[in-house]
C-alpha atoms as a PDB file:
ATOM      1  CA  MET A   1     -19.737   3.093  61.733  1.00  0.00           C
ATOM      2  CA  GLY A   2     -17.835   5.842  63.565  1.00  0.00           C
ATOM      3  CA  LEU A   3     -21.022   7.774  64.391  1.00  0.00           C
ATOM      4  CA  SER A   4     -22.653   4.612  65.543  1.00  0.00           C
ATOM      5  CA  LEU A   5     -19.870   3.759  67.805  1.00  0.00           C
ATOM      6  CA  LEU A   6     -19.758   7.336  69.223  1.00  0.00           C
ATOM      7  CA  ARG A   7     -23.567   7.070  69.853  1.00  0.00           C
ATOM      8  CA  ASN A   8     -23.727   3.837  71.171  1.00  0.00           C
ATOM      9  CA  LYS A   9     -26.401   2.957  68.685  1.00  0.00           C
ATOM     10  CA  ALA A  10     -24.653  -0.292  67.498  1.00  0.00           C
ATOM     11  CA  SER A  11     -25.758  -3.574  68.620  1.00  0.00           C
ATOM     12  CA  GLN A  12     -22.807  -5.695  70.427  1.00  0.00           C
ATOM     13  CA  HIS A  13     -22.127  -7.592  67.195  1.00  0.00           C
ATOM     14  CA  GLU A  14     -22.172  -4.428  64.809  1.00  0.00           C
ATOM     15  CA  SER A  15     -19.898  -2.615  67.402  1.00  0.00           C
ATOM     16  CA  ILE A  16     -17.130  -5.298  67.207  1.00  0.00           C
ATOM     17  CA  ILE A  17     -17.255  -5.209  63.328  1.00  0.00           C
ATOM     18  CA  TYR A  18     -17.472  -1.034  63.236  1.00  0.00           C
ATOM     19  CA  THR A  19     -14.560  -1.326  65.742  1.00  0.00           C
ATOM     20  CA  VAL A  20     -12.263  -3.473  63.565  1.00  0.00           C
ATOM     21  CA  CYS A  21     -12.965  -1.040  60.426  1.00  0.00           C
ATOM     22  CA  THR A  22     -12.580   2.273  62.234  1.00  0.00           C
ATOM     23  CA  ASN A  23      -9.340   1.659  64.108  1.00  0.00           C
ATOM     24  CA  ALA A  24      -8.001  -0.178  60.995  1.00  0.00           C
ATOM     25  CA  VAL A  25      -8.920   2.979  58.531  1.00  0.00           C
ATOM     26  CA  ALA A  26      -6.965   5.050  61.564  1.00  0.00           C
ATOM     27  CA  TYR A  27      -4.344   2.806  61.735  1.00  0.00           C
ATOM     28  CA  LYS A  28      -3.746   3.123  57.688  1.00  0.00           C
ATOM     29  CA  PHE A  29      -4.140   7.108  57.784  1.00  0.00           C
ATOM     30  CA  LEU A  30      -1.641   7.345  60.354  1.00  0.00           C
ATOM     31  CA  THR A  31       0.897   5.050  58.523  1.00  0.00           C
ATOM     32  CA  THR A  32       0.439   7.319  55.654  1.00  0.00           C
ATOM     33  CA  MET A  33       1.141  10.213  57.708  1.00  0.00           C
ATOM     34  CA  ILE A  34       4.117   8.785  59.127  1.00  0.00           C
ATOM     35  CA  ASN A  35       5.720   8.299  55.777  1.00  0.00           C
ATOM     36  CA  LEU A  36       5.176  11.894  54.995  1.00  0.00           C
ATOM     37  CA  GLU A  37       6.428  13.480  58.245  1.00  0.00           C
ATOM     38  CA  ASP A  38       9.866  15.377  58.485  1.00  0.00           C
ATOM     39  CA  ASP A  39       9.666  15.588  62.261  1.00  0.00           C
ATOM     40  CA  ALA A  40      11.090  12.657  63.787  1.00  0.00           C
ATOM     41  CA  ASP A  41       9.360  13.242  67.354  1.00  0.00           C
ATOM     42  CA  LEU A  42       6.023  13.559  65.572  1.00  0.00           C
ATOM     43  CA  ALA A  43       6.512  10.731  63.499  1.00  0.00           C
ATOM     44  CA  LEU A  44       7.458   8.731  66.424  1.00  0.00           C
ATOM     45  CA  GLU A  45       4.213   9.517  68.132  1.00  0.00           C
ATOM     46  CA  LEU A  46       2.088   8.734  65.011  1.00  0.00           C
ATOM     47  CA  ARG A  47       3.596   5.287  64.893  1.00  0.00           C
ATOM     48  CA  LYS A  48       2.877   4.998  68.611  1.00  0.00           C
ATOM     49  CA  ASN A  49      -0.545   6.020  68.319  1.00  0.00           C
ATOM     50  CA  ALA A  50      -0.859   3.782  64.716  1.00  0.00           C
ATOM     51  CA  THR A  51       0.306   0.790  66.634  1.00  0.00           C
ATOM     52  CA  GLU A  52      -2.234   1.478  69.188  1.00  0.00           C
ATOM     53  CA  TYR A  53      -5.176   1.617  66.701  1.00  0.00           C
ATOM     54  CA  ARG A  54      -3.712  -1.571  65.009  1.00  0.00           C
ATOM     55  CA  ALA A  55      -3.858  -3.373  68.268  1.00  0.00           C
ATOM     56  CA  ALA A  56      -7.554  -2.255  68.935  1.00  0.00           C
ATOM     57  CA  ALA A  57      -8.545  -3.697  65.617  1.00  0.00           C
ATOM     58  CA  GLN A  58      -6.902  -6.944  66.034  1.00  0.00           C
ATOM     59  CA  ALA A  59      -8.466  -7.238  69.451  1.00  0.00           C
ATOM     60  CA  ALA A  60     -11.815  -6.644  68.070  1.00  0.00           C
ATOM     61  CA  LEU A  61     -11.157  -9.005  65.126  1.00  0.00           C
ATOM     62  CA  LYS A  62     -10.568 -11.908  67.433  1.00  0.00           C
ATOM     63  CA  GLN A  63     -13.860 -11.030  69.017  1.00  0.00           C
ATOM     64  CA  ILE A  64     -15.865 -11.906  65.632  1.00  0.00           C
ATOM     65  CA  PRO A  65     -17.661 -15.137  66.155  1.00  0.00           C
ATOM     66  CA  LEU A  66     -16.886 -17.807  63.523  1.00  0.00           C
ATOM     67  CA  LEU A  67     -20.477 -18.622  63.011  1.00  0.00           C
ATOM     68  CA  VAL A  68     -22.069 -15.110  62.696  1.00  0.00           C
ATOM     69  CA  THR A  69     -24.594 -14.142  59.777  1.00  0.00           C
ATOM     70  CA  PRO A  70     -22.795 -12.856  56.668  1.00  0.00           C
ATOM     71  CA  SER A  71     -23.134  -9.080  56.111  1.00  0.00           C
ATOM     72  CA  LEU A  72     -21.329  -6.653  54.124  1.00  0.00           C
ATOM     73  CA  GLY A  73     -20.142  -4.675  57.296  1.00  0.00           C
ATOM     74  CA  LEU A  74     -18.794  -8.433  58.325  1.00  0.00           C
ATOM     75  CA  LEU A  75     -17.084  -8.666  54.754  1.00  0.00           C
ATOM     76  CA  GLN A  76     -15.446  -5.245  55.162  1.00  0.00           C
ATOM     77  CA  ALA A  77     -14.203  -5.837  58.677  1.00  0.00           C
ATOM     78  CA  LEU A  78     -12.428  -9.041  57.439  1.00  0.00           C
ATOM     79  CA  LEU A  79     -10.898  -6.814  54.485  1.00  0.00           C
ATOM     80  CA  CYS A  80      -9.568  -4.847  56.997  1.00  0.00           C
ATOM     81  CA  GLY A  81      -8.264  -7.376  59.204  1.00  0.00           C
ATOM     82  CA  VAL A  82      -6.642  -8.519  56.199  1.00  0.00           C
ATOM     83  CA  SER A  83      -4.987  -5.088  55.285  1.00  0.00           C
ATOM     84  CA  LEU A  84      -3.710  -4.961  58.946  1.00  0.00           C
ATOM     85  CA  LEU A  85      -1.786  -8.192  58.159  1.00  0.00           C
ATOM     86  CA  ILE A  86      -0.474  -6.671  54.661  1.00  0.00           C
ATOM     87  CA  LEU A  87       0.020  -3.201  55.274  1.00  0.00           C
ATOM     88  CA  PRO A  88       3.008  -3.377  57.722  1.00  0.00           C
ATOM     89  CA  LEU A  89       4.753  -5.292  55.500  1.00  0.00           C
ATOM     90  CA  SER A  90       4.998  -2.794  52.620  1.00  0.00           C
ATOM     91  CA  THR A  91       4.397   0.585  54.382  1.00  0.00           C
ATOM     92  CA  ILE A  92       5.921   0.552  57.633  1.00  0.00           C
ATOM     93  CA  SER A  93       9.115  -1.238  56.787  1.00  0.00           C
ATOM     94  CA  ASP A  94       9.960   1.271  54.135  1.00  0.00           C
ATOM     95  CA  THR A  95      10.671   4.042  56.908  1.00  0.00           C
END
């Protein structure tokens, strides 16, 4: 997915789906790193970047049309979107 986005080889529809997934994964990774980081300044910067990835994923999620052909990529994007709603409640609130 990430390579398709970087190489511009995805259709517009696929690009939206891939954007949701890659930004959600980046957000999950950074939130994990925030919880493991001892340096407060670095943790603050990671939190800022994580927020940007989350916002980008949510913006792309809103662009997915309701009447779209079902696919595994769409399912993955929807599950990533749901995890963006759940993860802040369980992970970031603990910091």
